[in-house]
N, C-alpha and C. Protein backbone atom coordinates (compact mmCIF):
# COMPACT_ATOMS: atom_id res chain seq x y z
N MET A 1 56.29 11.00 -81.00
CA MET A 1 57.22 10.74 -79.93
C MET A 1 56.75 9.51 -79.17
N GLU A 2 57.65 8.61 -78.93
CA GLU A 2 57.31 7.39 -78.23
C GLU A 2 57.35 7.59 -76.71
N PHE A 3 56.73 6.66 -76.01
CA PHE A 3 56.67 6.75 -74.56
C PHE A 3 58.07 6.68 -73.95
N SER A 4 58.93 5.85 -74.52
CA SER A 4 60.28 5.70 -73.96
C SER A 4 61.08 6.99 -74.12
N SER A 5 60.90 7.70 -75.21
CA SER A 5 61.63 8.96 -75.38
C SER A 5 61.08 10.04 -74.45
N ILE A 6 59.78 10.04 -74.20
CA ILE A 6 59.20 10.98 -73.24
C ILE A 6 59.71 10.67 -71.84
N LEU A 7 59.76 9.40 -71.50
CA LEU A 7 60.27 8.99 -70.19
C LEU A 7 61.74 9.36 -70.04
N ALA A 8 62.53 9.16 -71.07
CA ALA A 8 63.95 9.52 -71.02
C ALA A 8 64.11 11.03 -70.87
N MET A 9 63.28 11.81 -71.56
CA MET A 9 63.34 13.26 -71.45
C MET A 9 63.01 13.71 -70.03
N LEU A 10 62.03 13.08 -69.40
CA LEU A 10 61.66 13.43 -68.03
C LEU A 10 62.76 13.06 -67.04
N VAL A 11 63.36 11.89 -67.22
CA VAL A 11 64.43 11.46 -66.32
C VAL A 11 65.66 12.35 -66.47
N ILE A 12 66.05 12.63 -67.70
CA ILE A 12 67.21 13.50 -67.93
C ILE A 12 66.92 14.91 -67.42
N GLY A 13 65.69 15.39 -67.63
CA GLY A 13 65.31 16.70 -67.11
C GLY A 13 65.35 16.76 -65.59
N ALA A 14 64.89 15.69 -64.95
CA ALA A 14 64.91 15.65 -63.48
C ALA A 14 66.33 15.64 -62.95
N ILE A 15 67.19 14.85 -63.56
CA ILE A 15 68.59 14.78 -63.12
C ILE A 15 69.28 16.11 -63.36
N ALA A 16 69.06 16.69 -64.53
CA ALA A 16 69.70 17.98 -64.84
C ALA A 16 69.18 19.09 -63.93
N GLY A 17 67.90 19.10 -63.64
CA GLY A 17 67.35 20.10 -62.73
C GLY A 17 67.88 19.94 -61.32
N TRP A 18 68.00 18.69 -60.87
CA TRP A 18 68.55 18.44 -59.53
C TRP A 18 70.01 18.87 -59.45
N LEU A 19 70.79 18.50 -60.47
CA LEU A 19 72.21 18.89 -60.49
C LEU A 19 72.36 20.40 -60.54
N SER A 20 71.55 21.06 -61.34
CA SER A 20 71.66 22.52 -61.43
C SER A 20 71.25 23.18 -60.12
N GLY A 21 70.28 22.60 -59.41
CA GLY A 21 69.91 23.12 -58.10
C GLY A 21 71.05 22.99 -57.10
N LYS A 22 71.81 21.89 -57.19
CA LYS A 22 72.96 21.70 -56.31
C LYS A 22 74.10 22.64 -56.69
N ILE A 23 74.32 22.83 -57.98
CA ILE A 23 75.39 23.71 -58.44
C ILE A 23 75.09 25.16 -58.08
N MET A 24 73.85 25.56 -58.20
CA MET A 24 73.46 26.95 -57.94
C MET A 24 73.04 27.16 -56.49
N GLU A 25 73.63 26.44 -55.57
CA GLU A 25 73.47 26.60 -54.13
C GLU A 25 72.02 26.49 -53.66
N GLY A 26 71.41 25.35 -53.94
CA GLY A 26 70.10 25.06 -53.38
C GLY A 26 68.94 25.80 -54.00
N ARG A 27 69.02 26.14 -55.27
CA ARG A 27 67.91 26.82 -55.92
C ARG A 27 66.97 25.84 -56.61
N GLY A 28 66.85 24.64 -56.09
CA GLY A 28 65.97 23.65 -56.67
C GLY A 28 64.51 24.01 -56.42
N PHE A 29 63.62 23.42 -57.21
CA PHE A 29 62.20 23.73 -57.14
C PHE A 29 61.36 22.50 -56.85
N GLY A 30 61.90 21.46 -56.25
CA GLY A 30 61.16 20.23 -56.04
C GLY A 30 61.23 19.35 -57.28
N LEU A 31 60.64 18.18 -57.23
CA LEU A 31 60.76 17.22 -58.32
C LEU A 31 60.17 17.75 -59.63
N ILE A 32 58.93 18.21 -59.60
CA ILE A 32 58.28 18.70 -60.81
C ILE A 32 58.98 19.95 -61.32
N GLY A 33 59.33 20.86 -60.42
CA GLY A 33 60.05 22.07 -60.82
C GLY A 33 61.40 21.76 -61.41
N ASN A 34 62.11 20.78 -60.85
CA ASN A 34 63.41 20.39 -61.38
C ASN A 34 63.28 19.78 -62.77
N ILE A 35 62.25 18.99 -62.99
CA ILE A 35 62.02 18.43 -64.32
C ILE A 35 61.80 19.54 -65.33
N ILE A 36 60.97 20.52 -64.95
CA ILE A 36 60.68 21.63 -65.85
C ILE A 36 61.94 22.46 -66.10
N VAL A 37 62.69 22.76 -65.04
CA VAL A 37 63.93 23.52 -65.21
C VAL A 37 64.92 22.75 -66.08
N GLY A 38 65.02 21.45 -65.89
CA GLY A 38 65.94 20.64 -66.70
C GLY A 38 65.54 20.59 -68.16
N ILE A 39 64.25 20.45 -68.45
CA ILE A 39 63.78 20.40 -69.83
C ILE A 39 63.94 21.76 -70.50
N VAL A 40 63.56 22.82 -69.81
CA VAL A 40 63.73 24.17 -70.37
C VAL A 40 65.21 24.50 -70.53
N GLY A 41 66.02 24.06 -69.57
CA GLY A 41 67.46 24.26 -69.68
C GLY A 41 68.06 23.52 -70.86
N ALA A 42 67.60 22.32 -71.13
CA ALA A 42 68.08 21.57 -72.28
C ALA A 42 67.68 22.27 -73.58
N PHE A 43 66.46 22.80 -73.60
CA PHE A 43 66.01 23.55 -74.78
C PHE A 43 66.86 24.80 -74.96
N LEU A 44 67.11 25.50 -73.87
CA LEU A 44 67.93 26.71 -73.90
C LEU A 44 69.34 26.40 -74.38
N ALA A 45 69.92 25.35 -73.86
CA ALA A 45 71.27 24.94 -74.29
C ALA A 45 71.27 24.51 -75.75
N GLY A 46 70.17 23.90 -76.20
CA GLY A 46 70.06 23.50 -77.59
C GLY A 46 70.00 24.69 -78.54
N LEU A 47 69.56 25.83 -78.04
CA LEU A 47 69.56 27.04 -78.85
C LEU A 47 70.90 27.78 -78.79
N ILE A 48 71.50 27.82 -77.61
CA ILE A 48 72.71 28.62 -77.41
C ILE A 48 73.96 27.94 -77.95
N PHE A 49 74.19 26.67 -77.60
CA PHE A 49 75.45 26.03 -77.94
C PHE A 49 75.70 25.87 -79.43
N PRO A 50 74.73 25.43 -80.23
CA PRO A 50 75.00 25.35 -81.67
C PRO A 50 75.29 26.71 -82.30
N ALA A 51 74.65 27.77 -81.78
CA ALA A 51 74.93 29.10 -82.31
C ALA A 51 76.36 29.54 -82.01
N LEU A 52 76.90 29.07 -80.89
CA LEU A 52 78.28 29.39 -80.52
C LEU A 52 79.29 28.43 -81.12
N GLY A 53 78.82 27.35 -81.74
CA GLY A 53 79.70 26.38 -82.37
C GLY A 53 80.15 25.25 -81.48
N PHE A 54 79.51 25.07 -80.31
CA PHE A 54 79.87 23.98 -79.39
C PHE A 54 79.02 22.76 -79.68
N SER A 55 79.62 21.59 -79.48
CA SER A 55 78.91 20.33 -79.62
C SER A 55 79.29 19.43 -78.45
N VAL A 56 78.28 18.85 -77.81
CA VAL A 56 78.54 18.00 -76.66
C VAL A 56 78.68 16.55 -77.08
N GLY A 57 77.97 16.12 -78.09
CA GLY A 57 78.02 14.74 -78.54
C GLY A 57 76.72 14.03 -78.27
N GLY A 58 76.71 12.71 -78.41
CA GLY A 58 75.50 11.94 -78.20
C GLY A 58 75.61 11.08 -76.95
N GLY A 59 74.48 10.51 -76.56
CA GLY A 59 74.46 9.65 -75.39
C GLY A 59 73.77 10.28 -74.21
N VAL A 60 73.52 9.45 -73.21
CA VAL A 60 72.77 9.89 -72.04
C VAL A 60 73.59 10.86 -71.19
N PHE A 61 74.86 10.55 -70.96
CA PHE A 61 75.67 11.41 -70.10
C PHE A 61 75.89 12.79 -70.72
N SER A 62 76.09 12.83 -72.03
CA SER A 62 76.26 14.13 -72.66
C SER A 62 74.94 14.90 -72.68
N ALA A 63 73.81 14.20 -72.78
CA ALA A 63 72.51 14.87 -72.71
C ALA A 63 72.27 15.45 -71.32
N ILE A 64 72.68 14.73 -70.29
CA ILE A 64 72.56 15.24 -68.92
C ILE A 64 73.48 16.45 -68.73
N LEU A 65 74.71 16.38 -69.23
CA LEU A 65 75.63 17.51 -69.13
C LEU A 65 75.09 18.73 -69.87
N PHE A 66 74.61 18.52 -71.07
CA PHE A 66 74.04 19.57 -71.91
C PHE A 66 72.86 20.23 -71.21
N ALA A 67 71.93 19.42 -70.69
CA ALA A 67 70.75 19.94 -70.01
C ALA A 67 71.12 20.62 -68.69
N THR A 68 72.12 20.11 -67.99
CA THR A 68 72.54 20.71 -66.73
C THR A 68 73.14 22.09 -66.96
N ILE A 69 73.97 22.23 -67.95
CA ILE A 69 74.56 23.54 -68.26
C ILE A 69 73.46 24.54 -68.63
N GLY A 70 72.51 24.10 -69.44
CA GLY A 70 71.39 24.97 -69.80
C GLY A 70 70.53 25.33 -68.60
N ALA A 71 70.32 24.38 -67.69
CA ALA A 71 69.53 24.65 -66.50
C ALA A 71 70.25 25.60 -65.55
N VAL A 72 71.57 25.49 -65.45
CA VAL A 72 72.34 26.41 -64.62
C VAL A 72 72.23 27.83 -65.18
N ILE A 73 72.31 27.95 -66.50
CA ILE A 73 72.13 29.27 -67.13
C ILE A 73 70.74 29.80 -66.83
N LEU A 74 69.73 28.94 -66.94
CA LEU A 74 68.36 29.34 -66.66
C LEU A 74 68.19 29.79 -65.21
N LEU A 75 68.73 29.04 -64.26
CA LEU A 75 68.63 29.42 -62.85
C LEU A 75 69.38 30.72 -62.57
N PHE A 76 70.49 30.94 -63.25
CA PHE A 76 71.23 32.19 -63.09
C PHE A 76 70.39 33.37 -63.56
N VAL A 77 69.74 33.22 -64.70
CA VAL A 77 68.89 34.29 -65.23
C VAL A 77 67.69 34.52 -64.31
N ILE A 78 67.10 33.44 -63.80
CA ILE A 78 65.98 33.58 -62.88
C ILE A 78 66.43 34.31 -61.61
N GLY A 79 67.62 34.00 -61.12
CA GLY A 79 68.17 34.69 -59.96
C GLY A 79 68.38 36.18 -60.20
N LEU A 80 68.81 36.53 -61.41
CA LEU A 80 68.98 37.93 -61.75
C LEU A 80 67.64 38.65 -61.81
N ILE A 81 66.64 37.99 -62.33
CA ILE A 81 65.31 38.60 -62.45
C ILE A 81 64.69 38.79 -61.08
N LYS A 82 64.88 37.82 -60.18
CA LYS A 82 64.31 37.92 -58.83
C LYS A 82 64.92 39.07 -58.04
N ARG A 83 66.18 39.41 -58.31
CA ARG A 83 66.84 40.50 -57.59
C ARG A 83 66.28 41.87 -57.96
N VAL A 84 65.81 41.98 -59.17
CA VAL A 84 65.34 43.28 -59.67
C VAL A 84 64.00 43.62 -59.15
């Protein structure tokens, strides 16, 4: 993996984590936490969407959308676990 792809993954993860924190009513975790939530959310979406037959496409904006949806799902699950 090249440095530029690692940097792109971190930037997309940070944006997706920040957006998911805004969508889920302020459940953000700070910069590092948002990056982690965004990356894990992108991984989660990468597992769920192909199994369901959905495809987002290529490019930076679709990667951000894909990671944001996965991060929102992740934050929703974390919220359910915290309630129990």
